[in-house]
């Protein structure tokens, strides 16, 4: 026998668990760029004196990169892992 109430409930739960796409905005700042989701700042990439890039998430230095694209990728990865 098929339990329709249970099947409907599972269908609703399945739809709720789908993740929405997240838009990350990259804005210029005094020292580099800031990554935000909505109004929440999720990471900073600061340009250092020796032309490298520090990735900072939640006020904590994560890593330093020589290339900006690598720093940006690391900042986004760190944010995704924190979700």
PDB file of N, CA and C in Angstrom:
ATOM      1  N   UNK A   1       0.845  -1.183   0.000  1.00  0.00           N
ATOM      2  CA  UNK A   1       0.000   0.000   0.000  1.00  0.00           C
ATOM      3  C   UNK A   1       0.890   1.246   0.000  1.00  0.00           C
ATOM      4  N   UNK A   2       0.566   2.198  -0.840  1.00  0.00           N
ATOM      5  CA  UNK A   2       1.334   3.438  -0.971  1.00  0.00           C
ATOM      6  C   UNK A   2       0.821   4.468   0.020  1.00  0.00           C
ATOM      7  N   UNK A   3       1.695   5.012   0.839  1.00  0.00           N
ATOM      8  CA  UNK A   3       1.328   6.032   1.823  1.00  0.00           C
ATOM      9  C   UNK A   3       1.538   7.407   1.193  1.00  0.00           C
ATOM     10  N   UNK A   4       0.469   8.033   0.702  1.00  0.00           N
ATOM     11  CA  UNK A   4       0.583   9.307  -0.010  1.00  0.00           C
ATOM     12  C   UNK A   4       1.029  10.446   0.890  1.00  0.00           C
ATOM     13  N   UNK A   5       0.606  10.457   2.151  1.00  0.00           N
ATOM     14  CA  UNK A   5       1.029  11.536   3.058  1.00  0.00           C
ATOM     15  C   UNK A   5       2.544  11.517   3.218  1.00  0.00           C
ATOM     16  N   UNK A   6       3.094  10.341   3.415  1.00  0.00           N
ATOM     17  CA  UNK A   6       4.534  10.210   3.588  1.00  0.00           C
ATOM     18  C   UNK A   6       5.271  10.594   2.306  1.00  0.00           C
ATOM     19  N   UNK A   7       4.762  10.187   1.152  1.00  0.00           N
ATOM     20  CA  UNK A   7       5.402  10.504  -0.125  1.00  0.00           C
ATOM     21  C   UNK A   7       5.414  12.011  -0.368  1.00  0.00           C
ATOM     22  N   UNK A   8       4.314  12.684  -0.059  1.00  0.00           N
ATOM     23  CA  UNK A   8       4.231  14.128  -0.238  1.00  0.00           C
ATOM     24  C   UNK A   8       5.220  14.834   0.680  1.00  0.00           C
ATOM     25  N   UNK A   9       5.296  14.414   1.920  1.00  0.00           N
ATOM     26  CA  UNK A   9       6.206  15.018   2.886  1.00  0.00           C
ATOM     27  C   UNK A   9       7.646  14.880   2.411  1.00  0.00           C
ATOM     28  N   UNK A  10       8.028  13.714   1.930  1.00  0.00           N
ATOM     29  CA  UNK A  10       9.395  13.509   1.441  1.00  0.00           C
ATOM     30  C   UNK A  10       9.680  14.381   0.231  1.00  0.00           C
ATOM     31  N   UNK A  11       8.680  14.588  -0.624  1.00  0.00           N
ATOM     32  CA  UNK A  11       8.857  15.455  -1.782  1.00  0.00           C
ATOM     33  C   UNK A  11       9.134  16.886  -1.373  1.00  0.00           C
ATOM     34  N   UNK A  12       8.429  17.365  -0.356  1.00  0.00           N
ATOM     35  CA  UNK A  12       8.639  18.732   0.132  1.00  0.00           C
ATOM     36  C   UNK A  12      10.026  18.863   0.738  1.00  0.00           C
ATOM     37  N   UNK A  13      10.424  17.911   1.554  1.00  0.00           N
ATOM     38  CA  UNK A  13      11.754  17.949   2.171  1.00  0.00           C
ATOM     39  C   UNK A  13      12.827  17.932   1.084  1.00  0.00           C
ATOM     40  N   UNK A  14      12.648  17.122   0.051  1.00  0.00           N
ATOM     41  CA  UNK A  14      13.623  17.063  -1.040  1.00  0.00           C
ATOM     42  C   UNK A  14      13.786  18.405  -1.719  1.00  0.00           C
ATOM     43  N   UNK A  15      12.702  19.131  -1.924  1.00  0.00           N
ATOM     44  CA  UNK A  15      12.781  20.441  -2.563  1.00  0.00           C
ATOM     45  C   UNK A  15      13.439  21.467  -1.659  1.00  0.00           C
ATOM     46  N   UNK A  16      13.259  21.343  -0.358  1.00  0.00           N
ATOM     47  CA  UNK A  16      13.838  22.306   0.576  1.00  0.00           C
ATOM     48  C   UNK A  16      15.351  22.158   0.662  1.00  0.00           C
ATOM     49  N   UNK A  17      15.855  20.961   0.403  1.00  0.00           N
ATOM     50  CA  UNK A  17      17.290  20.742   0.574  1.00  0.00           C
ATOM     51  C   UNK A  17      18.111  21.212  -0.624  1.00  0.00           C
ATOM     52  N   UNK A  18      17.458  21.575  -1.730  1.00  0.00           N
ATOM     53  CA  UNK A  18      18.216  22.063  -2.884  1.00  0.00           C
ATOM     54  C   UNK A  18      18.851  23.405  -2.550  1.00  0.00           C
ATOM     55  N   UNK A  19      20.102  23.552  -2.904  1.00  0.00           N
ATOM     56  CA  UNK A  19      20.801  24.806  -2.602  1.00  0.00           C
ATOM     57  C   UNK A  19      20.569  25.817  -3.707  1.00  0.00           C
ATOM     58  N   UNK A  20      20.353  27.062  -3.293  1.00  0.00           N
ATOM     59  CA  UNK A  20      20.220  28.143  -4.260  1.00  0.00           C
ATOM     60  C   UNK A  20      21.615  28.592  -4.665  1.00  0.00           C
ATOM     61  N   UNK A  21      21.699  29.179  -5.847  1.00  0.00           N
ATOM     62  CA  UNK A  21      22.971  29.740  -6.268  1.00  0.00           C
ATOM     63  C   UNK A  21      23.274  30.954  -5.400  1.00  0.00           C
ATOM     64  N   UNK A  22      24.534  31.116  -5.052  1.00  0.00           N
ATOM     65  CA  UNK A  22      24.957  32.229  -4.227  1.00  0.00           C
ATOM     66  C   UNK A  22      25.756  33.194  -5.083  1.00  0.00           C
ATOM     67  N   UNK A  23      25.394  34.456  -5.007  1.00  0.00           N
ATOM     68  CA  UNK A  23      26.111  35.480  -5.764  1.00  0.00           C
ATOM     69  C   UNK A  23      27.130  36.140  -4.846  1.00  0.00           C
ATOM     70  N   UNK A  24      28.387  36.074  -5.229  1.00  0.00           N
ATOM     71  CA  UNK A  24      29.462  36.697  -4.461  1.00  0.00           C
ATOM     72  C   UNK A  24      29.863  37.973  -5.183  1.00  0.00           C
ATOM     73  N   UNK A  25      29.778  39.085  -4.471  1.00  0.00           N
ATOM     74  CA  UNK A  25      30.137  40.379  -5.059  1.00  0.00           C
ATOM     75  C   UNK A  25      31.576  40.715  -4.676  1.00  0.00           C
ATOM     76  N   UNK A  26      32.355  41.167  -5.639  1.00  0.00           N
ATOM     77  CA  UNK A  26      33.746  41.554  -5.412  1.00  0.00           C
ATOM     78  C   UNK A  26      33.833  43.062  -5.569  1.00  0.00           C
ATOM     79  N   UNK A  27      34.242  43.737  -4.483  1.00  0.00           N
ATOM     80  CA  UNK A  27      34.309  45.202  -4.485  1.00  0.00           C
ATOM     81  C   UNK A  27      35.712  45.659  -4.131  1.00  0.00           C
ATOM     82  N   UNK A  28      36.129  46.764  -4.731  1.00  0.00           N
ATOM     83  CA  UNK A  28      37.425  47.354  -4.390  1.00  0.00           C
ATOM     84  C   UNK A  28      37.398  47.878  -2.963  1.00  0.00           C
ATOM     85  N   UNK A  29      38.532  47.761  -2.298  1.00  0.00           N
ATOM     86  CA  UNK A  29      38.703  48.357  -0.971  1.00  0.00           C
ATOM     87  C   UNK A  29      40.036  49.098  -0.955  1.00  0.00           C
ATOM     88  N   UNK A  30      40.342  49.707   0.165  1.00  0.00           N
ATOM     89  CA  UNK A  30      41.575  50.485   0.294  1.00  0.00           C
ATOM     90  C   UNK A  30      42.826  49.625   0.044  1.00  0.00           C
ATOM     91  N   UNK A  31      42.827  48.401   0.579  1.00  0.00           N
ATOM     92  CA  UNK A  31      44.006  47.535   0.503  1.00  0.00           C
ATOM     93  C   UNK A  31      43.918  46.429  -0.545  1.00  0.00           C
ATOM     94  N   UNK A  32      42.792  46.288  -1.214  1.00  0.00           N
ATOM     95  CA  UNK A  32      42.620  45.194  -2.170  1.00  0.00           C
ATOM     96  C   UNK A  32      41.171  45.069  -2.579  1.00  0.00           C
ATOM     97  N   UNK A  33      40.577  43.881  -2.310  1.00  0.00           N
ATOM     98  CA  UNK A  33      39.161  43.671  -2.615  1.00  0.00           C
ATOM     99  C   UNK A  33      38.469  42.994  -1.439  1.00  0.00           C
ATOM    100  N   UNK A  34      37.137  43.154  -1.408  1.00  0.00           N
ATOM    101  CA  UNK A  34      36.300  42.538  -0.387  1.00  0.00           C
ATOM    102  C   UNK A  34      35.268  41.677  -1.103  1.00  0.00           C
ATOM    103  N   UNK A  35      35.060  40.450  -0.617  1.00  0.00           N
ATOM    104  CA  UNK A  35      34.045  39.559  -1.162  1.00  0.00           C
ATOM    105  C   UNK A  35      32.857  39.563  -0.213  1.00  0.00           C
ATOM    106  N   UNK A  36      31.667  39.839  -0.751  1.00  0.00           N
ATOM    107  CA  UNK A  36      30.468  39.880   0.080  1.00  0.00           C
ATOM    108  C   UNK A  36      29.379  39.004  -0.526  1.00  0.00           C
ATOM    109  N   UNK A  37      28.545  38.464   0.358  1.00  0.00           N
ATOM    110  CA  UNK A  37      27.335  37.747  -0.028  1.00  0.00           C
ATOM    111  C   UNK A  37      26.201  38.478   0.661  1.00  0.00           C
ATOM    112  N   UNK A  38      25.366  39.129  -0.126  1.00  0.00           N
ATOM    113  CA  UNK A  38      24.343  39.992   0.461  1.00  0.00           C
ATOM    114  C   UNK A  38      25.036  41.162   1.129  1.00  0.00           C
ATOM    115  N   UNK A  39      24.788  41.325   2.433  1.00  0.00           N
ATOM    116  CA  UNK A  39      25.454  42.398   3.180  1.00  0.00           C
ATOM    117  C   UNK A  39      26.601  41.876   4.036  1.00  0.00           C
ATOM    118  N   UNK A  40      26.831  40.559   3.996  1.00  0.00           N
ATOM    119  CA  UNK A  40      27.856  39.945   4.840  1.00  0.00           C
ATOM    120  C   UNK A  40      29.188  39.845   4.102  1.00  0.00           C
ATOM    121  N   UNK A  41      30.244  40.385   4.726  1.00  0.00           N
ATOM    122  CA  UNK A  41      31.584  40.242   4.161  1.00  0.00           C
ATOM    123  C   UNK A  41      32.071  38.824   4.466  1.00  0.00           C
ATOM    124  N   UNK A  42      32.486  38.096   3.431  1.00  0.00           N
ATOM    125  CA  UNK A  42      32.915  36.717   3.635  1.00  0.00           C
ATOM    126  C   UNK A  42      34.426  36.541   3.521  1.00  0.00           C
ATOM    127  N   UNK A  43      35.116  37.464   2.854  1.00  0.00           N
ATOM    128  CA  UNK A  43      36.573  37.357   2.724  1.00  0.00           C
ATOM    129  C   UNK A  43      37.152  38.675   2.241  1.00  0.00           C
ATOM    130  N   UNK A  44      38.458  38.824   2.476  1.00  0.00           N
ATOM    131  CA  UNK A  44      39.209  39.970   1.961  1.00  0.00           C
ATOM    132  C   UNK A  44      40.439  39.434   1.240  1.00  0.00           C
ATOM    133  N   UNK A  45      40.822  40.119   0.192  1.00  0.00           N
ATOM    134  CA  UNK A  45      42.094  39.829  -0.469  1.00  0.00           C
ATOM    135  C   UNK A  45      42.867  41.136  -0.453  1.00  0.00           C
ATOM    136  N   UNK A  46      43.972  41.134   0.291  1.00  0.00           N
ATOM    137  CA  UNK A  46      44.773  42.351   0.429  1.00  0.00           C
ATOM    138  C   UNK A  46      46.034  42.244  -0.414  1.00  0.00           C
ATOM    139  N   UNK A  47      46.325  43.325  -1.132  1.00  0.00           N
ATOM    140  CA  UNK A  47      47.536  43.410  -1.941  1.00  0.00           C
ATOM    141  C   UNK A  47      48.663  43.871  -1.023  1.00  0.00           C
ATOM    142  N   UNK A  48      49.735  43.087  -0.943  1.00  0.00           N
ATOM    143  CA  UNK A  48      50.843  43.421  -0.053  1.00  0.00           C
ATOM    144  C   UNK A  48      51.893  44.248  -0.786  1.00  0.00           C
ATOM    145  N   UNK A  49      52.872  44.736  -0.042  1.00  0.00           N
ATOM    146  CA  UNK A  49      53.924  45.591  -0.605  1.00  0.00           C
ATOM    147  C   UNK A  49      54.763  44.867  -1.656  1.00  0.00           C
ATOM    148  N   UNK A  50      54.908  43.553  -1.518  1.00  0.00           N
ATOM    149  CA  UNK A  50      55.718  42.799  -2.488  1.00  0.00           C
ATOM    150  C   UNK A  50      54.866  42.198  -3.613  1.00  0.00           C
ATOM    151  N   UNK A  51      53.715  42.814  -3.887  1.00  0.00           N
ATOM    152  CA  UNK A  51      52.806  42.402  -4.966  1.00  0.00           C
ATOM    153  C   UNK A  51      52.322  40.959  -4.851  1.00  0.00           C
ATOM    154  N   UNK A  52      52.137  40.494  -3.628  1.00  0.00           N
ATOM    155  CA  UNK A  52      51.468  39.213  -3.415  1.00  0.00           C
ATOM    156  C   UNK A  52      50.102  39.512  -2.794  1.00  0.00           C
ATOM    157  N   UNK A  53      49.288  38.487  -2.620  1.00  0.00           N
ATOM    158  CA  UNK A  53      47.914  38.684  -2.177  1.00  0.00           C
ATOM    159  C   UNK A  53      47.616  37.821  -0.956  1.00  0.00           C
ATOM    160  N   UNK A  54      47.221  38.473   0.137  1.00  0.00           N
ATOM    161  CA  UNK A  54      46.846  37.776   1.364  1.00  0.00           C
ATOM    162  C   UNK A  54      45.348  37.511   1.355  1.00  0.00           C
ATOM    163  N   UNK A  55      44.960  36.263   1.637  1.00  0.00           N
ATOM    164  CA  UNK A  55      43.549  35.907   1.754  1.00  0.00           C
ATOM    165  C   UNK A  55      43.198  35.908   3.237  1.00  0.00           C
ATOM    166  N   UNK A  56      42.186  36.679   3.597  1.00  0.00           N
ATOM    167  CA  UNK A  56      41.764  36.812   4.989  1.00  0.00           C
ATOM    168  C   UNK A  56      40.278  36.477   5.073  1.00  0.00           C
ATOM    169  N   UNK A  57      39.946  35.495   5.914  1.00  0.00           N
ATOM    170  CA  UNK A  57      38.554  35.088   6.115  1.00  0.00           C
ATOM    171  C   UNK A  57      38.260  35.148   7.608  1.00  0.00           C
ATOM    172  N   UNK A  58      37.199  35.845   7.973  1.00  0.00           N
ATOM    173  CA  UNK A  58      36.816  36.027   9.381  1.00  0.00           C
ATOM    174  C   UNK A  58      37.958  36.606  10.213  1.00  0.00           C
ATOM    175  N   UNK A  59      38.707  37.520   9.635  1.00  0.00           N
ATOM    176  CA  UNK A  59      39.802  38.164  10.342  1.00  0.00           C
ATOM    177  C   UNK A  59      41.046  37.305  10.483  1.00  0.00           C
ATOM    178  N   UNK A  60      41.035  36.116   9.903  1.00  0.00           N
ATOM    179  CA  UNK A  60      42.151  35.178  10.033  1.00  0.00           C
ATOM    180  C   UNK A  60      42.879  35.047   8.692  1.00  0.00           C
ATOM    181  N   UNK A  61      44.201  35.217   8.728  1.00  0.00           N
ATOM    182  CA  UNK A  61      45.016  35.068   7.514  1.00  0.00           C
ATOM    183  C   UNK A  61      45.022  33.597   7.117  1.00  0.00           C
ATOM    184  N   UNK A  62      44.596  33.324   5.882  1.00  0.00           N
ATOM    185  CA  UNK A  62      44.524  31.945   5.397  1.00  0.00           C
ATOM    186  C   UNK A  62      45.804  31.553   4.666  1.00  0.00           C
ATOM    187  N   UNK A  63      46.182  32.349   3.665  1.00  0.00           N
ATOM    188  CA  UNK A  63      47.349  32.018   2.855  1.00  0.00           C
ATOM    189  C   UNK A  63      47.741  33.230   2.021  1.00  0.00           C
ATOM    190  N   UNK A  64      48.972  33.247   1.536  1.00  0.00           N
ATOM    191  CA  UNK A  64      49.459  34.302   0.645  1.00  0.00           C
ATOM    192  C   UNK A  64      49.743  33.692  -0.724  1.00  0.00           C
ATOM    193  N   UNK A  65      49.312  34.398  -1.772  1.00  0.00           N
ATOM    194  CA  UNK A  65      49.498  33.932  -3.146  1.00  0.00           C
ATOM    195  C   UNK A  65      50.222  34.987  -3.957  1.00  0.00           C
ATOM    196  N   UNK A  66      50.935  34.550  -4.995  1.00  0.00           N
ATOM    197  CA  UNK A  66      51.623  35.486  -5.887  1.00  0.00           C
ATOM    198  C   UNK A  66      50.693  36.010  -6.973  1.00  0.00           C
ATOM    199  N   UNK A  67      49.622  35.277  -7.285  1.00  0.00           N
ATOM    200  CA  UNK A  67      48.698  35.670  -8.353  1.00  0.00           C
ATOM    201  C   UNK A  67      47.297  35.912  -7.784  1.00  0.00           C
ATOM    202  N   UNK A  68      46.649  36.967  -8.267  1.00  0.00           N
ATOM    203  CA  UNK A  68      45.310  37.321  -7.802  1.00  0.00           C
ATOM    204  C   UNK A  68      44.274  36.224  -8.072  1.00  0.00           C
ATOM    205  N   UNK A  69      44.252  35.603  -9.266  1.00  0.00           N
ATOM    206  CA  UNK A  69      43.236  34.563  -9.506  1.00  0.00           C
ATOM    207  C   UNK A  69      43.310  33.403  -8.514  1.00  0.00           C
ATOM    208  N   UNK A  70      44.521  33.021  -8.118  1.00  0.00           N
ATOM    209  CA  UNK A  70      44.678  31.950  -7.133  1.00  0.00           C
ATOM    210  C   UNK A  70      44.143  32.385  -5.772  1.00  0.00           C
ATOM    211  N   UNK A  71      44.394  33.632  -5.399  1.00  0.00           N
ATOM    212  CA  UNK A  71      43.899  34.155  -4.126  1.00  0.00           C
ATOM    213  C   UNK A  71      42.375  34.200  -4.126  1.00  0.00           C
ATOM    214  N   UNK A  72      41.793  34.628  -5.228  1.00  0.00           N
ATOM    215  CA  UNK A  72      40.337  34.684  -5.347  1.00  0.00           C
ATOM    216  C   UNK A  72      39.733  33.285  -5.242  1.00  0.00           C
ATOM    217  N   UNK A  73      40.334  32.327  -5.923  1.00  0.00           N
ATOM    218  CA  UNK A  73      39.853  30.942  -5.867  1.00  0.00           C
ATOM    219  C   UNK A  73      39.900  30.405  -4.436  1.00  0.00           C
ATOM    220  N   UNK A  74      40.985  30.669  -3.724  1.00  0.00           N
ATOM    221  CA  UNK A  74      41.128  30.197  -2.344  1.00  0.00           C
ATOM    222  C   UNK A  74      40.086  30.839  -1.429  1.00  0.00           C
ATOM    223  N   UNK A  75      39.829  32.131  -1.607  1.00  0.00           N
ATOM    224  CA  UNK A  75      38.831  32.825  -0.785  1.00  0.00           C
ATOM    225  C   UNK A  75      37.451  32.216  -0.990  1.00  0.00           C
ATOM    226  N   UNK A  76      37.103  31.921  -2.233  1.00  0.00           N
ATOM    227  CA  UNK A  76      35.792  31.328  -2.524  1.00  0.00           C
ATOM    228  C   UNK A  76      35.714  29.900  -1.994  1.00  0.00           C
ATOM    229  N   UNK A  77      36.779  29.121  -2.149  1.00  0.00           N
ATOM    230  CA  UNK A  77      36.799  27.754  -1.612  1.00  0.00           C
ATOM    231  C   UNK A  77      36.610  27.766  -0.102  1.00  0.00           C
ATOM    232  N   UNK A  78      37.324  28.650   0.575  1.00  0.00           N
ATOM    233  CA  UNK A  78      37.226  28.732   2.032  1.00  0.00           C
ATOM    234  C   UNK A  78      35.816  29.102   2.453  1.00  0.00           C
ATOM    235  N   UNK A  79      35.188  30.023   1.738  1.00  0.00           N
ATOM    236  CA  UNK A  79      33.805  30.400   2.037  1.00  0.00           C
ATOM    237  C   UNK A  79      32.868  29.213   1.821  1.00  0.00           C
ATOM    238  N   UNK A  80      33.037  28.489   0.720  1.00  0.00           N
ATOM    239  CA  UNK A  80      32.167  27.343   0.433  1.00  0.00           C
ATOM    240  C   UNK A  80      32.309  26.252   1.477  1.00  0.00           C
ATOM    241  N   UNK A  81      33.511  26.013   1.969  1.00  0.00           N
ATOM    242  CA  UNK A  81      33.718  24.992   2.995  1.00  0.00           C
ATOM    243  C   UNK A  81      33.089  25.392   4.322  1.00  0.00           C
ATOM    244  N   UNK A  82      32.973  26.688   4.557  1.00  0.00           N
ATOM    245  CA  UNK A  82      32.388  27.164   5.813  1.00  0.00           C
ATOM    246  C   UNK A  82      30.870  27.035   5.826  1.00  0.00           C
ATOM    247  N   UNK A  83      30.247  26.861   4.675  1.00  0.00           N
ATOM    248  CA  UNK A  83      28.779  26.749   4.615  1.00  0.00           C
ATOM    249  C   UNK A  83      28.278  25.478   5.226  1.00  0.00           C
TER     250      UNK A  83
END
